[in-house]
Amino acid sequence: MLDMNMNLVEMINGFGDEAKCRAYLEKLRWPDGVVCPHCKATKIYRLVKRDQFLCASCEYQFSVTVDTIFHDTHLPLVTWFLATVLLCEAKKGMSACQIQRSLGIKTYKTAWYLCHRIRAAMLETGKPKLGGTVEMDETYVGGKHKGYGKHRGMENKEIVVGIRKRNGELRMFHTKNAKSASLAKYISENIAEDVDVIITDEWPAYPDAMRRTGMKRHKTIQHKSRIYVDGETHTNTVENAFSLLKRGLMGTWHHVSVRHLPAYLDEMCFRFNNRKNPYLFRDTILKLIASPNLEYKRLIKVA
């Protein structure tokens, strides 16, 4: 199996042509043998010259990419595989411009669309709620910074809420405001009721958010008093994740629209939560196989 540290030379040696990529997709999609996606029959004929299969039961002809994000793509599978490796291994992300240059993609639009389809597959749903010691904070990204202090001069910025289990998973969300009702929503959806403790800064919306959700195990670190660590009470780990996000936004992606910000947050969290996964490439390809195609018109549709 491939690991997340594979370099591009090893990648090209392993998947340097379409046949090798198709064989790998087939192995991942049907580990026990090809199955008809139409009737689920297992007696399948291989149409070698057409890179397709024929179901002996319903006579449905299909390829390994049918009903996946790769279906009807105009890009070679090799390009998809290489782009996936680059997005997986880039700690601060990789811009569509860099993907375009590195992979020789003709237009920026095509590279941008490719990156967003991979990001769409990285979205993780149905995840269990976080327990143990959980840190929660909010940060502001984009726009022009004016004024001083954490919540002053932020009119042109977007708010990102971060929740991280100490030594565990990270989750980030784009929100319209940092009021108690909004914070309570993210608490109730992501933090278990039997959590050991939730640690936040002194932002006044947090106590009311805790009351709304019935969370009683809440500790506060007083940043305004220049206290950043008090024993085990701190928000340093979620703030470190924010620092990584901002380096990606300012140094890699540069211009991220408000509408697409959640997709970049999903990518950052997926890569962060899988940073120790030795099979990150394989698991990302599995998610691409399981994902329906994201149409370009839907991606650029004005909300």
C-alpha atoms as a PDB file:
ATOM      1  CA  MET A   1       0.000   0.000   0.000  1.00  0.00           C
ATOM      2  CA  LEU A   2       1.031   3.582  -0.585  1.00  0.00           C
ATOM      3  CA  ASP A   3       1.828   5.867   2.301  1.00  0.00           C
ATOM      4  CA  MET A   4       1.404   9.614   2.669  1.00  0.00           C
ATOM      5  CA  ASN A   5       5.154  10.250   2.375  1.00  0.00           C
ATOM      6  CA  MET A   6       5.458   8.912  -1.173  1.00  0.00           C
ATOM      7  CA  ASN A   7       7.248  11.414  -3.389  1.00  0.00           C
ATOM      8  CA  LEU A   8       6.318  12.247  -6.956  1.00  0.00           C
ATOM      9  CA  VAL A   9       9.038  10.033  -8.463  1.00  0.00           C
ATOM     10  CA  GLU A  10       7.712   7.001  -6.593  1.00  0.00           C
ATOM     11  CA  MET A  11       4.188   8.031  -7.517  1.00  0.00           C
ATOM     12  CA  ILE A  12       4.977   8.170 -11.218  1.00  0.00           C
ATOM     13  CA  ASN A  13       6.772   4.821 -11.057  1.00  0.00           C
ATOM     14  CA  GLY A  14       3.765   3.240  -9.405  1.00  0.00           C
ATOM     15  CA  PHE A  15       1.011   4.964 -11.415  1.00  0.00           C
ATOM     16  CA  GLY A  16       2.678   6.312 -14.535  1.00  0.00           C
ATOM     17  CA  ASP A  17      -0.052   5.323 -16.984  1.00  0.00           C
ATOM     18  CA  GLU A  18      -3.827   4.985 -17.179  1.00  0.00           C
ATOM     19  CA  ALA A  19      -3.773   1.184 -17.035  1.00  0.00           C
ATOM     20  CA  LYS A  20      -2.017   1.182 -13.660  1.00  0.00           C
ATOM     21  CA  CYS A  21      -4.417   3.803 -12.286  1.00  0.00           C
ATOM     22  CA  ARG A  22      -7.461   1.861 -13.482  1.00  0.00           C
ATOM     23  CA  ALA A  23      -6.104  -1.349 -11.985  1.00  0.00           C
ATOM     24  CA  TYR A  24      -5.639   0.382  -8.636  1.00  0.00           C
ATOM     25  CA  LEU A  25      -9.160   1.842  -8.711  1.00  0.00           C
ATOM     26  CA  GLU A  26     -10.540  -1.592  -9.546  1.00  0.00           C
ATOM     27  CA  LYS A  27      -8.682  -3.169  -6.629  1.00  0.00           C
ATOM     28  CA  LEU A  28      -9.956  -0.540  -4.196  1.00  0.00           C
ATOM     29  CA  ARG A  29     -13.519  -0.485  -5.483  1.00  0.00           C
ATOM     30  CA  TRP A  30     -14.012  -4.218  -5.858  1.00  0.00           C
ATOM     31  CA  PRO A  31     -11.480  -5.995  -3.589  1.00  0.00           C
ATOM     32  CA  ASP A  32     -13.399  -9.291  -3.942  1.00  0.00           C
ATOM     33  CA  GLY A  33     -13.932  -9.065  -7.695  1.00  0.00           C
ATOM     34  CA  VAL A  34     -15.820  -6.771 -10.073  1.00  0.00           C
ATOM     35  CA  VAL A  35     -19.491  -6.236  -9.238  1.00  0.00           C
ATOM     36  CA  CYS A  36     -22.081  -4.805 -11.621  1.00  0.00           C
ATOM     37  CA  PRO A  37     -23.143  -1.385 -10.263  1.00  0.00           C
ATOM     38  CA  HIS A  38     -26.536  -1.862 -11.924  1.00  0.00           C
ATOM     39  CA  CYS A  39     -27.724  -5.280 -10.724  1.00  0.00           C
ATOM     40  CA  LYS A  40     -24.921  -6.290  -8.314  1.00  0.00           C
ATOM     41  CA  ALA A  41     -24.167  -9.490 -10.268  1.00  0.00           C
ATOM     42  CA  THR A  42     -20.629 -10.880 -10.072  1.00  0.00           C
ATOM     43  CA  LYS A  43     -20.376 -12.677 -13.404  1.00  0.00           C
ATOM     44  CA  ILE A  44     -18.568 -10.036 -15.398  1.00  0.00           C
ATOM     45  CA  TYR A  45     -16.770 -10.065 -18.736  1.00  0.00           C
ATOM     46  CA  ARG A  46     -13.814  -7.782 -19.296  1.00  0.00           C
ATOM     47  CA  LEU A  47     -13.808  -5.676 -22.512  1.00  0.00           C
ATOM     48  CA  VAL A  48     -10.066  -5.088 -22.605  1.00  0.00           C
ATOM     49  CA  LYS A  49      -9.838  -2.847 -25.675  1.00  0.00           C
ATOM     50  CA  ARG A  50     -12.480  -0.489 -24.311  1.00  0.00           C
ATOM     51  CA  ASP A  51     -11.355  -0.492 -20.653  1.00  0.00           C
ATOM     52  CA  GLN A  52     -14.864  -1.583 -19.741  1.00  0.00           C
ATOM     53  CA  PHE A  53     -16.826  -4.475 -18.265  1.00  0.00           C
ATOM     54  CA  LEU A  54     -19.964  -6.294 -19.438  1.00  0.00           C
ATOM     55  CA  CYS A  55     -22.415  -7.761 -16.953  1.00  0.00           C
ATOM     56  CA  ALA A  56     -23.475 -11.266 -17.996  1.00  0.00           C
ATOM     57  CA  SER A  57     -26.753 -10.870 -16.144  1.00  0.00           C
ATOM     58  CA  CYS A  58     -28.176  -7.487 -17.239  1.00  0.00           C
ATOM     59  CA  GLU A  59     -25.748  -6.770 -20.103  1.00  0.00           C
ATOM     60  CA  TYR A  60     -24.858  -3.406 -18.599  1.00  0.00           C
ATOM     61  CA  GLN A  61     -21.537  -2.019 -19.849  1.00  0.00           C
ATOM     62  CA  PHE A  62     -19.542   0.027 -17.384  1.00  0.00           C
ATOM     63  CA  SER A  63     -16.044   1.148 -16.445  1.00  0.00           C
ATOM     64  CA  VAL A  64     -14.292   1.359 -13.099  1.00  0.00           C
ATOM     65  CA  THR A  65     -14.993   5.103 -12.967  1.00  0.00           C
ATOM     66  CA  VAL A  66     -18.776   4.876 -13.394  1.00  0.00           C
ATOM     67  CA  ASP A  67     -20.768   6.519 -10.574  1.00  0.00           C
ATOM     68  CA  THR A  68     -17.598   8.046  -9.132  1.00  0.00           C
ATOM     69  CA  ILE A  69     -16.093  11.528  -9.141  1.00  0.00           C
ATOM     70  CA  PHE A  70     -13.851  10.367 -12.033  1.00  0.00           C
ATOM     71  CA  HIS A  71     -16.807   9.664 -14.333  1.00  0.00           C
ATOM     72  CA  ASP A  72     -16.701  11.620 -17.622  1.00  0.00           C
ATOM     73  CA  THR A  73     -13.525  13.445 -16.583  1.00  0.00           C
ATOM     74  CA  HIS A  74     -11.460  14.896 -19.411  1.00  0.00           C
ATOM     75  CA  LEU A  75      -8.284  14.667 -17.351  1.00  0.00           C
ATOM     76  CA  PRO A  76      -6.078  11.557 -17.276  1.00  0.00           C
ATOM     77  CA  LEU A  77      -6.353   9.480 -14.117  1.00  0.00           C
ATOM     78  CA  VAL A  78      -2.603   9.997 -13.694  1.00  0.00           C
ATOM     79  CA  THR A  79      -3.277  13.722 -13.275  1.00  0.00           C
ATOM     80  CA  TRP A  80      -5.965  12.992 -10.688  1.00  0.00           C
ATOM     81  CA  PHE A  81      -3.609  10.729  -8.750  1.00  0.00           C
ATOM     82  CA  LEU A  82      -0.759  13.247  -8.808  1.00  0.00           C
ATOM     83  CA  ALA A  83      -3.045  16.109  -7.735  1.00  0.00           C
ATOM     84  CA  THR A  84      -4.338  13.970  -4.863  1.00  0.00           C
ATOM     85  CA  VAL A  85      -0.798  13.276  -3.648  1.00  0.00           C
ATOM     86  CA  LEU A  86       0.123  16.954  -3.819  1.00  0.00           C
ATOM     87  CA  LEU A  87      -2.973  18.062  -1.877  1.00  0.00           C
ATOM     88  CA  CYS A  88      -2.486  15.327   0.715  1.00  0.00           C
ATOM     89  CA  GLU A  89       1.170  16.026   1.434  1.00  0.00           C
ATOM     90  CA  ALA A  90       1.107  19.851   1.387  1.00  0.00           C
ATOM     91  CA  LYS A  91       0.797  20.809   5.056  1.00  0.00           C
ATOM     92  CA  LYS A  92      -0.448  24.314   4.243  1.00  0.00           C
ATOM     93  CA  GLY A  93      -2.346  23.259   1.133  1.00  0.00           C
ATOM     94  CA  MET A  94      -1.495  23.880  -2.498  1.00  0.00           C
ATOM     95  CA  SER A  95      -2.966  26.487  -4.806  1.00  0.00           C
ATOM     96  CA  ALA A  96      -4.659  25.707  -8.107  1.00  0.00           C
ATOM     97  CA  CYS A  97      -1.952  27.810  -9.802  1.00  0.00           C
ATOM     98  CA  GLN A  98       0.751  25.551  -8.390  1.00  0.00           C
ATOM     99  CA  ILE A  99      -1.208  22.422  -9.349  1.00  0.00           C
ATOM    100  CA  GLN A 100      -1.572  23.815 -12.864  1.00  0.00           C
ATOM    101  CA  ARG A 101       2.154  24.507 -13.195  1.00  0.00           C
ATOM    102  CA  SER A 102       3.310  21.271 -11.579  1.00  0.00           C
ATOM    103  CA  LEU A 103       1.039  18.969 -13.569  1.00  0.00           C
ATOM    104  CA  GLY A 104       1.016  20.839 -16.866  1.00  0.00           C
ATOM    105  CA  ILE A 105      -2.735  21.432 -16.863  1.00  0.00           C
ATOM    106  CA  LYS A 106      -3.697  23.747 -19.722  1.00  0.00           C
ATOM    107  CA  THR A 107      -5.937  26.216 -17.905  1.00  0.00           C
ATOM    108  CA  TYR A 108      -6.290  27.578 -14.371  1.00  0.00           C
ATOM    109  CA  LYS A 109     -10.046  26.908 -14.530  1.00  0.00           C
ATOM    110  CA  THR A 110      -9.435  23.186 -15.053  1.00  0.00           C
ATOM    111  CA  ALA A 111      -6.904  23.028 -12.207  1.00  0.00           C
ATOM    112  CA  TRP A 112      -9.218  24.980  -9.891  1.00  0.00           C
ATOM    113  CA  TYR A 113     -12.127  22.665 -10.683  1.00  0.00           C
ATOM    114  CA  LEU A 114      -9.943  19.595 -10.130  1.00  0.00           C
ATOM    115  CA  CYS A 115      -8.838  20.839  -6.702  1.00  0.00           C
ATOM    116  CA  HIS A 116     -12.400  21.579  -5.632  1.00  0.00           C
ATOM    117  CA  ARG A 117     -13.611  18.131  -6.657  1.00  0.00           C
ATOM    118  CA  ILE A 118     -10.890  16.558  -4.520  1.00  0.00           C
ATOM    119  CA  ARG A 119     -11.809  18.889  -1.640  1.00  0.00           C
ATOM    120  CA  ALA A 120     -15.469  17.893  -1.960  1.00  0.00           C
ATOM    121  CA  ALA A 121     -14.476  14.262  -1.442  1.00  0.00           C
ATOM    122  CA  MET A 122     -12.505  15.206   1.675  1.00  0.00           C
ATOM    123  CA  LEU A 123     -15.677  16.325   3.471  1.00  0.00           C
ATOM    124  CA  GLU A 124     -16.263  14.022   6.416  1.00  0.00           C
ATOM    125  CA  THR A 125     -19.801  13.585   7.739  1.00  0.00           C
ATOM    126  CA  GLY A 126     -21.358  11.594  10.534  1.00  0.00           C
ATOM    127  CA  LYS A 127     -18.307  11.902  12.756  1.00  0.00           C
ATOM    128  CA  PRO A 128     -18.649  11.061  16.480  1.00  0.00           C
ATOM    129  CA  LYS A 129     -18.793  13.867  19.011  1.00  0.00           C
ATOM    130  CA  LEU A 130     -15.589  14.876  20.735  1.00  0.00           C
ATOM    131  CA  GLY A 131     -14.872  14.024  24.361  1.00  0.00           C
ATOM    132  CA  GLY A 132     -11.981  14.340  26.762  1.00  0.00           C
ATOM    133  CA  THR A 133     -10.403  17.803  26.923  1.00  0.00           C
ATOM    134  CA  VAL A 134     -11.767  20.008  24.151  1.00  0.00           C
ATOM    135  CA  GLU A 135     -10.540  23.473  23.194  1.00  0.00           C
ATOM    136  CA  MET A 136     -12.792  25.933  21.411  1.00  0.00           C
ATOM    137  CA  ASP A 137     -11.966  29.311  19.926  1.00  0.00           C
ATOM    138  CA  GLU A 138     -12.856  31.621  17.075  1.00  0.00           C
ATOM    139  CA  THR A 139     -10.635  33.512  14.676  1.00  0.00           C
ATOM    140  CA  TYR A 140     -11.048  36.076  11.917  1.00  0.00           C
ATOM    141  CA  VAL A 141      -9.694  35.685   8.393  1.00  0.00           C
ATOM    142  CA  GLY A 142      -9.622  37.752   5.202  1.00  0.00           C
ATOM    143  CA  GLY A 143     -10.521  41.399   4.718  1.00  0.00           C
ATOM    144  CA  LYS A 144      -8.599  44.375   6.035  1.00  0.00           C
ATOM    145  CA  HIS A 145      -7.700  44.561   9.683  1.00  0.00           C
ATOM    146  CA  LYS A 146      -8.359  47.894  11.377  1.00  0.00           C
ATOM    147  CA  GLY A 147      -8.348  48.728  15.067  1.00  0.00           C
ATOM    148  CA  TYR A 148      -6.949  46.703  17.919  1.00  0.00           C
ATOM    149  CA  GLY A 149      -7.984  43.747  20.015  1.00  0.00           C
ATOM    150  CA  LYS A 150      -9.423  40.371  19.157  1.00  0.00           C
ATOM    151  CA  HIS A 151     -12.925  41.540  18.262  1.00  0.00           C
ATOM    152  CA  ARG A 152     -12.367  45.121  17.116  1.00  0.00           C
ATOM    153  CA  GLY A 153     -12.094  46.264  13.524  1.00  0.00           C
ATOM    154  CA  MET A 154     -13.318  42.923  12.192  1.00  0.00           C
ATOM    155  CA  GLU A 155     -16.214  44.147  10.047  1.00  0.00           C
ATOM    156  CA  ASN A 156     -14.633  42.985   6.788  1.00  0.00           C
ATOM    157  CA  LYS A 157     -13.423  39.645   8.074  1.00  0.00           C
ATOM    158  CA  GLU A 158     -14.961  36.186   8.134  1.00  0.00           C
ATOM    159  CA  ILE A 159     -15.348  34.206  11.343  1.00  0.00           C
ATOM    160  CA  VAL A 160     -14.028  30.673  11.702  1.00  0.00           C
ATOM    161  CA  VAL A 161     -14.907  28.608  14.771  1.00  0.00           C
ATOM    162  CA  GLY A 162     -12.389  25.947  15.745  1.00  0.00           C
ATOM    163  CA  ILE A 163     -12.983  22.951  18.018  1.00  0.00           C
ATOM    164  CA  ARG A 164     -10.167  20.567  18.809  1.00  0.00           C
ATOM    165  CA  LYS A 165      -9.896  17.609  21.128  1.00  0.00           C
ATOM    166  CA  ARG A 166      -6.603  17.758  23.011  1.00  0.00           C
ATOM    167  CA  ASN A 167      -4.280  15.356  21.135  1.00  0.00           C
ATOM    168  CA  GLY A 168      -7.174  14.535  18.835  1.00  0.00           C
ATOM    169  CA  GLU A 169      -9.361  15.735  15.975  1.00  0.00           C
ATOM    170  CA  LEU A 170      -9.822  19.246  14.666  1.00  0.00           C
ATOM    171  CA  ARG A 171     -13.030  20.736  13.287  1.00  0.00           C
ATOM    172  CA  MET A 172     -13.437  24.198  11.781  1.00  0.00           C
ATOM    173  CA  PHE A 173     -16.560  25.991  10.639  1.00  0.00           C
ATOM    174  CA  HIS A 174     -17.329  29.227   8.842  1.00  0.00           C
ATOM    175  CA  THR A 175     -19.993  31.133  10.770  1.00  0.00           C
ATOM    176  CA  LYS A 176     -21.774  34.453  10.310  1.00  0.00           C
ATOM    177  CA  ASN A 177     -21.245  35.538  13.912  1.00  0.00           C
ATOM    178  CA  ALA A 178     -19.721  34.526  17.227  1.00  0.00           C
ATOM    179  CA  LYS A 179     -22.874  35.026  19.286  1.00  0.00           C
ATOM    180  CA  SER A 180     -23.895  32.508  21.922  1.00  0.00           C
ATOM    181  CA  ALA A 181     -26.615  30.906  19.767  1.00  0.00           C
ATOM    182  CA  SER A 182     -24.151  30.189  16.957  1.00  0.00           C
ATOM    183  CA  LEU A 183     -21.498  28.868  19.339  1.00  0.00           C
ATOM    184  CA  ALA A 184     -24.098  26.694  21.089  1.00  0.00           C
ATOM    185  CA  LYS A 185     -24.991  25.101  17.764  1.00  0.00           C
ATOM    186  CA  TYR A 186     -21.395  23.992  17.135  1.00  0.00           C
ATOM    187  CA  ILE A 187     -21.024  22.812  20.731  1.00  0.00           C
ATOM    188  CA  SER A 188     -24.150  20.645  20.646  1.00  0.00           C
ATOM    189  CA  GLU A 189     -23.303  19.174  17.226  1.00  0.00           C
ATOM    190  CA  ASN A 190     -19.641  18.393  17.909  1.00  0.00           C
ATOM    191  CA  ILE A 191     -18.976  17.977  21.637  1.00  0.00           C
ATOM    192  CA  ALA A 192     -20.204  15.052  23.737  1.00  0.00           C
ATOM    193  CA  GLU A 193     -22.304  15.773  26.819  1.00  0.00           C
ATOM    194  CA  ASP A 194     -19.902  13.761  28.995  1.00  0.00           C
ATOM    195  CA  VAL A 195     -16.858  15.772  27.843  1.00  0.00           C
ATOM    196  CA  ASP A 196     -14.224  16.150  30.583  1.00  0.00           C
ATOM    197  CA  VAL A 197     -13.850  19.889  30.069  1.00  0.00           C
ATOM    198  CA  ILE A 198     -14.335  22.573  27.407  1.00  0.00           C
ATOM    199  CA  ILE A 199     -11.655  25.271  27.460  1.00  0.00           C
ATOM    200  CA  THR A 200     -12.240  28.678  25.856  1.00  0.00           C
ATOM    201  CA  ASP A 201     -10.982  32.217  26.196  1.00  0.00           C
ATOM    202  CA  GLU A 202     -13.020  34.916  27.986  1.00  0.00           C
ATOM    203  CA  TRP A 203     -15.213  35.877  25.008  1.00  0.00           C
ATOM    204  CA  PRO A 204     -18.529  36.699  26.806  1.00  0.00           C
ATOM    205  CA  ALA A 205     -20.696  34.597  24.474  1.00  0.00           C
ATOM    206  CA  TYR A 206     -19.216  31.327  25.732  1.00  0.00           C
ATOM    207  CA  PRO A 207     -20.874  31.149  29.197  1.00  0.00           C
ATOM    208  CA  ASP A 208     -24.327  31.611  27.672  1.00  0.00           C
ATOM    209  CA  ALA A 209     -23.501  29.083  24.928  1.00  0.00           C
ATOM    210  CA  MET A 210     -22.595  26.585  27.649  1.00  0.00           C
ATOM    211  CA  ARG A 211     -25.887  27.235  29.453  1.00  0.00           C
ATOM    212  CA  ARG A 212     -27.841  26.762  26.234  1.00  0.00           C
ATOM    213  CA  THR A 213     -26.264  23.341  25.677  1.00  0.00           C
ATOM    214  CA  GLY A 214     -26.227  22.227  29.303  1.00  0.00           C
ATOM    215  CA  MET A 215     -22.443  21.980  29.361  1.00  0.00           C
ATOM    216  CA  LYS A 216     -21.223  22.477  32.922  1.00  0.00           C
ATOM    217  CA  ARG A 217     -17.552  21.517  32.554  1.00  0.00           C
ATOM    218  CA  HIS A 218     -16.204  24.822  31.256  1.00  0.00           C
ATOM    219  CA  LYS A 219     -12.891  26.520  32.015  1.00  0.00           C
ATOM    220  CA  THR A 220     -11.729  29.926  30.800  1.00  0.00           C
ATOM    221  CA  ILE A 221      -8.235  31.248  30.125  1.00  0.00           C
ATOM    222  CA  GLN A 222      -7.896  35.024  30.590  1.00  0.00           C
ATOM    223  CA  HIS A 223      -6.076  36.243  27.489  1.00  0.00           C
ATOM    224  CA  LYS A 224      -6.934  39.879  28.245  1.00  0.00           C
ATOM    225  CA  SER A 225      -4.955  39.565  31.449  1.00  0.00           C
ATOM    226  CA  ARG A 226      -2.053  38.170  29.378  1.00  0.00           C
ATOM    227  CA  ILE A 227      -2.549  34.721  30.862  1.00  0.00           C
ATOM    228  CA  TYR A 228      -2.132  32.133  28.110  1.00  0.00           C
ATOM    229  CA  VAL A 229      -1.407  28.959  30.074  1.00  0.00           C
ATOM    230  CA  ASP A 230      -2.663  28.026  33.537  1.00  0.00           C
ATOM    231  CA  GLY A 231      -1.628  24.444  34.141  1.00  0.00           C
ATOM    232  CA  GLU A 232      -3.659  22.363  31.687  1.00  0.00           C
ATOM    233  CA  THR A 233      -5.982  25.265  30.930  1.00  0.00           C
ATOM    234  CA  HIS A 234      -5.098  26.834  27.576  1.00  0.00           C
ATOM    235  CA  THR A 235      -6.306  27.043  23.978  1.00  0.00           C
ATOM    236  CA  ASN A 236      -2.870  26.725  22.410  1.00  0.00           C
ATOM    237  CA  THR A 237      -3.570  23.592  20.362  1.00  0.00           C
ATOM    238  CA  VAL A 238      -6.629  24.990  18.558  1.00  0.00           C
ATOM    239  CA  GLU A 239      -4.767  28.288  18.063  1.00  0.00           C
ATOM    240  CA  ASN A 240      -1.885  26.374  16.472  1.00  0.00           C
ATOM    241  CA  ALA A 241      -4.388  24.962  13.981  1.00  0.00           C
ATOM    242  CA  PHE A 242      -5.632  28.497  13.279  1.00  0.00           C
ATOM    243  CA  SER A 243      -2.044  29.555  12.627  1.00  0.00           C
ATOM    244  CA  LEU A 244      -1.677  26.766  10.077  1.00  0.00           C
ATOM    245  CA  LEU A 245      -4.950  27.805   8.429  1.00  0.00           C
ATOM    246  CA  LYS A 246      -3.879  31.437   8.142  1.00  0.00           C
ATOM    247  CA  ARG A 247      -0.521  30.494   6.646  1.00  0.00           C
ATOM    248  CA  GLY A 248      -2.452  28.500   4.048  1.00  0.00           C
ATOM    249  CA  LEU A 249      -4.857  31.364   3.323  1.00  0.00           C
ATOM    250  CA  MET A 250      -2.176  34.054   3.090  1.00  0.00           C
ATOM    251  CA  GLY A 251       0.789  32.129   1.749  1.00  0.00           C
ATOM    252  CA  THR A 252      -0.770  29.431  -0.432  1.00  0.00           C
ATOM    253  CA  TRP A 253      -4.336  30.086  -1.574  1.00  0.00           C
ATOM    254  CA  HIS A 254      -4.129  33.935  -1.362  1.00  0.00           C
ATOM    255  CA  HIS A 255      -7.681  34.678  -2.547  1.00  0.00           C
ATOM    256  CA  VAL A 256     -10.414  32.486  -1.077  1.00  0.00           C
ATOM    257  CA  SER A 257     -14.006  33.567  -1.680  1.00  0.00           C
ATOM    258  CA  VAL A 258     -16.482  33.537   1.197  1.00  0.00           C
ATOM    259  CA  ARG A 259     -18.615  30.955  -0.599  1.00  0.00           C
ATOM    260  CA  HIS A 260     -15.761  28.476  -0.969  1.00  0.00           C
ATOM    261  CA  LEU A 261     -14.170  29.055   2.445  1.00  0.00           C
ATOM    262  CA  PRO A 262     -15.937  25.986   3.983  1.00  0.00           C
ATOM    263  CA  ALA A 263     -14.343  23.725   1.334  1.00  0.00           C
ATOM    264  CA  TYR A 264     -10.858  24.948   2.273  1.00  0.00           C
ATOM    265  CA  LEU A 265     -11.659  24.405   5.959  1.00  0.00           C
ATOM    266  CA  ASP A 266     -12.773  20.841   5.167  1.00  0.00           C
ATOM    267  CA  GLU A 267      -9.526  20.192   3.291  1.00  0.00           C
ATOM    268  CA  MET A 268      -7.413  21.596   6.119  1.00  0.00           C
ATOM    269  CA  CYS A 269      -9.224  19.524   8.758  1.00  0.00           C
ATOM    270  CA  PHE A 270      -9.097  16.326   6.700  1.00  0.00           C
ATOM    271  CA  ARG A 271      -5.366  16.670   6.136  1.00  0.00           C
ATOM    272  CA  PHE A 272      -4.730  17.682   9.765  1.00  0.00           C
ATOM    273  CA  ASN A 273      -6.758  14.805  11.210  1.00  0.00           C
ATOM    274  CA  ASN A 274      -4.997  12.334   8.903  1.00  0.00           C
ATOM    275  CA  ARG A 275      -1.475  13.683   9.359  1.00  0.00           C
ATOM    276  CA  LYS A 276      -0.364  10.422  10.997  1.00  0.00           C
ATOM    277  CA  ASN A 277      -2.312   8.151   8.666  1.00  0.00           C
ATOM    278  CA  PRO A 278       0.211   5.976   6.749  1.00  0.00           C
ATOM    279  CA  TYR A 279      -2.455   5.235   4.121  1.00  0.00           C
ATOM    280  CA  LEU A 280      -3.658   8.772   3.495  1.00  0.00           C
ATOM    281  CA  PHE A 281      -3.371   8.525  -0.296  1.00  0.00           C
ATOM    282  CA  ARG A 282      -5.294   5.258  -0.422  1.00  0.00           C
ATOM    283  CA  ASP A 283      -8.006   6.541   1.907  1.00  0.00           C
ATOM    284  CA  THR A 284      -8.388   9.737  -0.117  1.00  0.00           C
ATOM    285  CA  ILE A 285      -8.738   7.770  -3.363  1.00  0.00           C
ATOM    286  CA  LEU A 286     -11.393   5.628  -1.641  1.00  0.00           C
ATOM    287  CA  LYS A 287     -13.309   8.801  -0.805  1.00  0.00           C
ATOM    288  CA  LEU A 288     -12.994   9.944  -4.429  1.00  0.00           C
ATOM    289  CA  ILE A 289     -14.399   6.605  -5.588  1.00  0.00           C
ATOM    290  CA  ALA A 290     -17.340   6.961  -3.210  1.00  0.00           C
ATOM    291  CA  SER A 291     -18.066  10.569  -4.179  1.00  0.00           C
ATOM    292  CA  PRO A 292     -20.482  11.594  -6.931  1.00  0.00           C
ATOM    293  CA  ASN A 293     -19.230  14.089  -9.461  1.00  0.00           C
ATOM    294  CA  LEU A 294     -19.375  17.755  -8.460  1.00  0.00           C
ATOM    295  CA  GLU A 295     -20.670  19.601 -11.511  1.00  0.00           C
ATOM    296  CA  TYR A 296     -18.909  22.819 -12.417  1.00  0.00           C
ATOM    297  CA  LYS A 297     -22.183  24.740 -12.781  1.00  0.00           C
ATOM    298  CA  ARG A 298     -23.119  23.741  -9.241  1.00  0.00           C
ATOM    299  CA  LEU A 299     -19.698  24.750  -7.938  1.00  0.00           C
ATOM    300  CA  ILE A 300     -19.890  28.267  -9.359  1.00  0.00           C
ATOM    301  CA  LYS A 301     -23.619  28.741  -8.751  1.00  0.00           C
ATOM    302  CA  VAL A 302     -24.278  31.927  -6.862  1.00  0.00           C
ATOM    303  CA  ALA A 303     -25.780  31.140  -3.485  1.00  0.00           C
END
